[in-house]
Amino acid sequence: MTCRDTGGEESAPRQVAVGIDAGGSSIRVRAVSEGRVLYDGKGGPGNPLSVDEAALKANFAAAVAGCPAADRVTACVSGTGSRERRIQIRSPLPALFPGAGVTLFPAHVPSLSAAPAGRGGLVIAGPGTPAARGDSPGGQWGKRGRVG
């Protein structure tokens, strides 16, 4: 989606990016453009291991209700370690954000990606959360097990 300010003068088109953080207790959504927050939303549990598919779709729909159309969507979701779970999560996103590029990551990847280059190591403690490590500078990451 391309937005235009309506303040009297036409401005250059701007990109809208949406970030989704989905876990066992809730889904949080934020849409931004040019450093401005356009939308904050919240829905029920978003971990495909903790809710059935119908509830999962309903929770995602509730979290994005009122969110502007997006150019890019990046979702970091707990419980998406398997291909089957990634497909289950990925399937409703294009319908919720038609025309947007959608990227899906397991929940621990953003934390590893934020680590300084050359630093590799992260343990996230929580039910069902994997311990993971990053092998920078190559930017590789790997799951090392589950807690709980």
C-alpha atoms as a PDB file:
ATOM      1  CA  MET A   1       0.000   0.000   0.000  1.00  0.00           C
ATOM      2  CA  THR A   2       1.110   3.501  -0.657  1.00  0.00           C
ATOM      3  CA  CYS A   3      -0.196   6.281   1.593  1.00  0.00           C
ATOM      4  CA  ARG A   4      -0.453   9.937   0.778  1.00  0.00           C
ATOM      5  CA  ASP A   5      -0.725  12.679   3.359  1.00  0.00           C
ATOM      6  CA  THR A   6      -3.915  14.672   2.992  1.00  0.00           C
ATOM      7  CA  GLY A   7      -2.569  17.899   4.481  1.00  0.00           C
ATOM      8  CA  GLY A   8      -3.310  19.946   1.362  1.00  0.00           C
ATOM      9  CA  GLU A   9      -0.150  19.192  -0.606  1.00  0.00           C
ATOM     10  CA  GLU A  10       0.595  15.870  -2.232  1.00  0.00           C
ATOM     11  CA  SER A  11       3.681  14.208  -0.859  1.00  0.00           C
ATOM     12  CA  ALA A  12       5.797  11.367  -2.148  1.00  0.00           C
ATOM     13  CA  PRO A  13       4.340   7.899  -1.586  1.00  0.00           C
ATOM     14  CA  ARG A  14       5.454   6.281   1.646  1.00  0.00           C
ATOM     15  CA  GLN A  15       5.923   2.654   2.575  1.00  0.00           C
ATOM     16  CA  VAL A  16       3.958   1.014   5.389  1.00  0.00           C
ATOM     17  CA  ALA A  17       5.664  -1.786   7.322  1.00  0.00           C
ATOM     18  CA  VAL A  18       3.909  -4.061   9.798  1.00  0.00           C
ATOM     19  CA  GLY A  19       5.627  -6.060  12.510  1.00  0.00           C
ATOM     20  CA  ILE A  20       3.878  -8.917  14.287  1.00  0.00           C
ATOM     21  CA  ASP A  21       5.014 -10.568  17.526  1.00  0.00           C
ATOM     22  CA  ALA A  22       2.918 -13.647  18.244  1.00  0.00           C
ATOM     23  CA  GLY A  23       3.326 -15.901  21.246  1.00  0.00           C
ATOM     24  CA  GLY A  24       1.422 -18.156  23.568  1.00  0.00           C
ATOM     25  CA  SER A  25      -0.361 -15.338  25.411  1.00  0.00           C
ATOM     26  CA  SER A  26      -1.004 -12.696  22.743  1.00  0.00           C
ATOM     27  CA  ILE A  27      -0.390 -11.264  19.299  1.00  0.00           C
ATOM     28  CA  ARG A  28       0.929  -7.710  19.057  1.00  0.00           C
ATOM     29  CA  VAL A  29       0.900  -5.746  15.827  1.00  0.00           C
ATOM     30  CA  ARG A  30       2.502  -2.408  14.948  1.00  0.00           C
ATOM     31  CA  ALA A  31       2.324  -0.554  11.629  1.00  0.00           C
ATOM     32  CA  VAL A  32       4.848   2.213  10.938  1.00  0.00           C
ATOM     33  CA  SER A  33       5.711   4.582   8.135  1.00  0.00           C
ATOM     34  CA  GLU A  34       8.548   7.074   8.033  1.00  0.00           C
ATOM     35  CA  GLY A  35       9.192   6.528  11.739  1.00  0.00           C
ATOM     36  CA  ARG A  36       5.590   7.209  12.758  1.00  0.00           C
ATOM     37  CA  VAL A  37       3.433   4.614  14.446  1.00  0.00           C
ATOM     38  CA  LEU A  38       0.216   4.278  12.461  1.00  0.00           C
ATOM     39  CA  TYR A  39      -1.358   1.385  14.336  1.00  0.00           C
ATOM     40  CA  ASP A  40      -0.936  -0.733  17.461  1.00  0.00           C
ATOM     41  CA  GLY A  41      -3.124  -3.805  17.865  1.00  0.00           C
ATOM     42  CA  LYS A  42      -3.434  -6.807  20.103  1.00  0.00           C
ATOM     43  CA  GLY A  43      -5.175 -10.165  19.821  1.00  0.00           C
ATOM     44  CA  GLY A  44      -5.366 -13.460  21.664  1.00  0.00           C
ATOM     45  CA  PRO A  45      -2.767 -16.241  21.628  1.00  0.00           C
ATOM     46  CA  GLY A  46      -0.757 -16.630  18.422  1.00  0.00           C
ATOM     47  CA  ASN A  47       1.261 -19.783  19.005  1.00  0.00           C
ATOM     48  CA  PRO A  48      -0.044 -22.582  16.753  1.00  0.00           C
ATOM     49  CA  LEU A  49       0.959 -25.097  19.430  1.00  0.00           C
ATOM     50  CA  SER A  50      -1.402 -23.538  21.999  1.00  0.00           C
ATOM     51  CA  VAL A  51      -4.589 -22.817  19.998  1.00  0.00           C
ATOM     52  CA  ASP A  52      -6.475 -24.536  17.196  1.00  0.00           C
ATOM     53  CA  GLU A  53      -6.374 -23.212  13.641  1.00  0.00           C
ATOM     54  CA  ALA A  54      -9.786 -21.473  13.778  1.00  0.00           C
ATOM     55  CA  ALA A  55      -8.883 -19.617  16.985  1.00  0.00           C
ATOM     56  CA  LEU A  56      -5.470 -18.754  15.558  1.00  0.00           C
ATOM     57  CA  LYS A  57      -7.022 -17.149  12.463  1.00  0.00           C
ATOM     58  CA  ALA A  58      -9.577 -15.290  14.590  1.00  0.00           C
ATOM     59  CA  ASN A  59      -6.856 -14.003  16.936  1.00  0.00           C
ATOM     60  CA  PHE A  60      -4.735 -12.733  14.047  1.00  0.00           C
ATOM     61  CA  ALA A  61      -7.788 -11.072  12.460  1.00  0.00           C
ATOM     62  CA  ALA A  62      -8.642  -9.334  15.754  1.00  0.00           C
ATOM     63  CA  ALA A  63      -5.057  -8.128  16.187  1.00  0.00           C
ATOM     64  CA  VAL A  64      -4.949  -6.508  12.744  1.00  0.00           C
ATOM     65  CA  ALA A  65      -8.527  -5.140  12.658  1.00  0.00           C
ATOM     66  CA  GLY A  66      -8.135  -1.479  11.721  1.00  0.00           C
ATOM     67  CA  CYS A  67      -4.514  -1.834  10.644  1.00  0.00           C
ATOM     68  CA  PRO A  68      -3.679   0.043   7.433  1.00  0.00           C
ATOM     69  CA  ALA A  69      -2.730  -1.889   4.321  1.00  0.00           C
ATOM     70  CA  ALA A  70       0.973  -2.717   4.243  1.00  0.00           C
ATOM     71  CA  ASP A  71       3.805  -3.043   1.758  1.00  0.00           C
ATOM     72  CA  ARG A  72       5.805  -5.388   4.009  1.00  0.00           C
ATOM     73  CA  VAL A  73       4.799  -7.649   6.894  1.00  0.00           C
ATOM     74  CA  THR A  74       7.290  -9.409   9.135  1.00  0.00           C
ATOM     75  CA  ALA A  75       5.894 -11.847  11.680  1.00  0.00           C
ATOM     76  CA  CYS A  76       7.934 -13.437  14.454  1.00  0.00           C
ATOM     77  CA  VAL A  77       5.895 -16.290  15.870  1.00  0.00           C
ATOM     78  CA  SER A  78       6.483 -18.773  18.676  1.00  0.00           C
ATOM     79  CA  GLY A  79       5.798 -22.386  17.790  1.00  0.00           C
ATOM     80  CA  THR A  80       6.874 -22.130  14.155  1.00  0.00           C
ATOM     81  CA  GLY A  81       9.892 -24.398  14.334  1.00  0.00           C
ATOM     82  CA  SER A  82       8.395 -26.922  11.922  1.00  0.00           C
ATOM     83  CA  ARG A  83       7.488 -26.426   8.272  1.00  0.00           C
ATOM     84  CA  GLU A  84       3.883 -27.449   8.988  1.00  0.00           C
ATOM     85  CA  ARG A  85       3.491 -24.768  11.666  1.00  0.00           C
ATOM     86  CA  ARG A  86       5.064 -22.092   9.444  1.00  0.00           C
ATOM     87  CA  ILE A  87       2.559 -22.935   6.705  1.00  0.00           C
ATOM     88  CA  GLN A  88      -0.287 -22.808   9.238  1.00  0.00           C
ATOM     89  CA  ILE A  89       0.763 -19.303  10.348  1.00  0.00           C
ATOM     90  CA  ARG A  90       1.727 -18.018   6.923  1.00  0.00           C
ATOM     91  CA  SER A  91      -1.543 -18.993   5.251  1.00  0.00           C
ATOM     92  CA  PRO A  92      -3.837 -16.330   6.811  1.00  0.00           C
ATOM     93  CA  LEU A  93      -1.350 -13.443   6.518  1.00  0.00           C
ATOM     94  CA  PRO A  94      -1.700 -12.762   2.760  1.00  0.00           C
ATOM     95  CA  ALA A  95      -5.493 -12.570   3.148  1.00  0.00           C
ATOM     96  CA  LEU A  96      -5.097 -10.089   6.013  1.00  0.00           C
ATOM     97  CA  PHE A  97      -2.534  -8.031   4.058  1.00  0.00           C
ATOM     98  CA  PRO A  98      -3.319  -8.422   0.334  1.00  0.00           C
ATOM     99  CA  GLY A  99      -0.418  -7.474  -1.921  1.00  0.00           C
ATOM    100  CA  ALA A 100       2.110  -7.201   0.917  1.00  0.00           C
ATOM    101  CA  GLY A 101       5.379  -9.084   1.005  1.00  0.00           C
ATOM    102  CA  VAL A 102       5.198 -11.419   4.017  1.00  0.00           C
ATOM    103  CA  THR A 103       8.189 -12.809   5.928  1.00  0.00           C
ATOM    104  CA  LEU A 104       7.861 -15.252   8.813  1.00  0.00           C
ATOM    105  CA  PHE A 105      10.481 -16.107  11.437  1.00  0.00           C
ATOM    106  CA  PRO A 106      10.519 -18.184  14.624  1.00  0.00           C
ATOM    107  CA  ALA A 107      10.215 -15.892  17.645  1.00  0.00           C
ATOM    108  CA  HIS A 108      13.874 -16.097  18.720  1.00  0.00           C
ATOM    109  CA  VAL A 109      15.392 -14.933  15.426  1.00  0.00           C
ATOM    110  CA  PRO A 110      14.944 -11.150  15.935  1.00  0.00           C
ATOM    111  CA  SER A 111      16.808 -11.284  19.240  1.00  0.00           C
ATOM    112  CA  LEU A 112      19.718 -13.068  17.617  1.00  0.00           C
ATOM    113  CA  SER A 113      19.658 -10.670  14.672  1.00  0.00           C
ATOM    114  CA  ALA A 114      19.943  -7.695  17.017  1.00  0.00           C
ATOM    115  CA  ALA A 115      23.132  -9.024  18.617  1.00  0.00           C
ATOM    116  CA  PRO A 116      26.374  -7.256  17.682  1.00  0.00           C
ATOM    117  CA  ALA A 117      28.448  -8.933  14.961  1.00  0.00           C
ATOM    118  CA  GLY A 118      30.805 -11.538  16.344  1.00  0.00           C
ATOM    119  CA  ARG A 119      28.698 -12.150  19.425  1.00  0.00           C
ATOM    120  CA  GLY A 120      26.857 -15.441  19.431  1.00  0.00           C
ATOM    121  CA  GLY A 121      24.649 -16.628  22.196  1.00  0.00           C
ATOM    122  CA  LEU A 122      21.156 -16.245  23.480  1.00  0.00           C
ATOM    123  CA  VAL A 123      18.882 -18.107  25.830  1.00  0.00           C
ATOM    124  CA  ILE A 124      15.244 -17.067  25.986  1.00  0.00           C
ATOM    125  CA  ALA A 125      13.528 -18.556  29.018  1.00  0.00           C
ATOM    126  CA  GLY A 126       9.863 -19.331  28.723  1.00  0.00           C
ATOM    127  CA  PRO A 127       7.526 -22.285  28.270  1.00  0.00           C
ATOM    128  CA  GLY A 128       8.297 -24.008  25.000  1.00  0.00           C
ATOM    129  CA  THR A 129      10.968 -21.468  24.090  1.00  0.00           C
ATOM    130  CA  PRO A 130      14.087 -22.787  22.390  1.00  0.00           C
ATOM    131  CA  ALA A 131      17.576 -21.985  23.462  1.00  0.00           C
ATOM    132  CA  ALA A 132      19.319 -20.610  20.420  1.00  0.00           C
ATOM    133  CA  ARG A 133      22.693 -19.376  19.347  1.00  0.00           C
ATOM    134  CA  GLY A 134      23.928 -17.142  16.587  1.00  0.00           C
ATOM    135  CA  ASP A 135      27.125 -17.791  14.687  1.00  0.00           C
ATOM    136  CA  SER A 136      28.087 -14.326  13.540  1.00  0.00           C
ATOM    137  CA  PRO A 137      29.611 -12.964  11.329  1.00  0.00           C
ATOM    138  CA  GLY A 138      27.820 -15.336   8.952  1.00  0.00           C
ATOM    139  CA  GLY A 139      24.521 -14.453  10.566  1.00  0.00           C
ATOM    140  CA  GLN A 140      23.578 -18.080  11.117  1.00  0.00           C
ATOM    141  CA  TRP A 141      21.254 -19.146  13.919  1.00  0.00           C
ATOM    142  CA  GLY A 142      20.221 -22.464  15.307  1.00  0.00           C
ATOM    143  CA  LYS A 143      17.820 -23.932  17.796  1.00  0.00           C
ATOM    144  CA  ARG A 144      19.390 -25.975  20.556  1.00  0.00           C
ATOM    145  CA  GLY A 145      16.407 -27.371  22.421  1.00  0.00           C
ATOM    146  CA  ARG A 146      13.287 -26.516  24.339  1.00  0.00           C
ATOM    147  CA  VAL A 147      12.702 -25.322  27.843  1.00  0.00           C
ATOM    148  CA  GLY A 148       9.539 -26.509  29.602  1.00  0.00           C
END
